Protein backbone atom coordinates (compact mmCIF):
# COMPACT_ATOMS: atom_id res chain seq x y z
CA MET A 1 0.00 0.00 0.00
CA GLY A 2 2.96 2.29 0.46
CA SER A 3 2.00 5.86 1.29
CA GLY A 4 -1.69 5.49 0.41
CA SER A 5 -1.66 7.63 -2.73
CA THR A 6 -3.90 5.19 -4.60
CA ILE A 7 -6.46 5.28 -1.80
CA VAL A 8 -6.38 9.09 -1.81
CA ALA A 9 -6.87 9.12 -5.60
CA ALA A 10 -9.82 6.75 -5.26
CA GLU A 11 -11.40 9.03 -2.67
CA GLN A 12 -10.86 12.10 -4.83
CA THR A 13 -12.60 10.47 -7.78
CA GLY A 14 -15.54 9.12 -5.77
CA ARG A 15 -14.37 5.54 -5.83
CA LYS A 16 -13.68 3.04 -3.07
CA GLY A 17 -10.17 1.82 -2.45
CA ILE A 18 -8.64 -1.03 -0.47
CA GLY A 19 -5.05 -1.01 0.68
CA VAL A 20 -3.07 -3.91 2.10
CA ASP A 21 0.49 -4.00 3.35
CA ILE A 22 2.42 -6.47 5.47
CA GLU A 23 4.20 -3.62 7.29
CA VAL A 24 2.00 -2.08 9.99
CA SER A 25 3.91 1.22 9.95
CA TYR A 26 3.01 1.76 6.28
CA CYS A 27 -0.65 1.12 7.06
CA GLU A 28 -0.56 3.71 9.84
CA MET A 29 1.22 6.22 7.62
CA ALA A 30 -1.32 5.70 4.82
CA LYS A 31 -4.23 5.98 7.25
CA LEU A 32 -2.97 9.36 8.45
CA ARG A 33 -2.50 10.55 4.87
CA VAL A 34 -6.02 9.51 3.85
CA ILE A 35 -7.50 11.27 6.90
CA LYS A 36 -5.45 14.42 6.15
CA GLU A 37 -6.51 14.46 2.49
CA ALA A 38 -10.18 13.82 3.36
CA VAL A 39 -10.22 17.05 5.38
CA HIS A 40 -9.22 18.97 2.22
CA LEU A 41 -12.03 17.57 0.06
């Protein structure tokens, strides 16, 4: 899932996105990014 950019793009275009990563820290980082970007919509 990396930094969550695909999930953010899905949100910005009105689509649903699912992200999976084996590394918990990447999931947490992506979650924070998605929350931050959602505030700016």
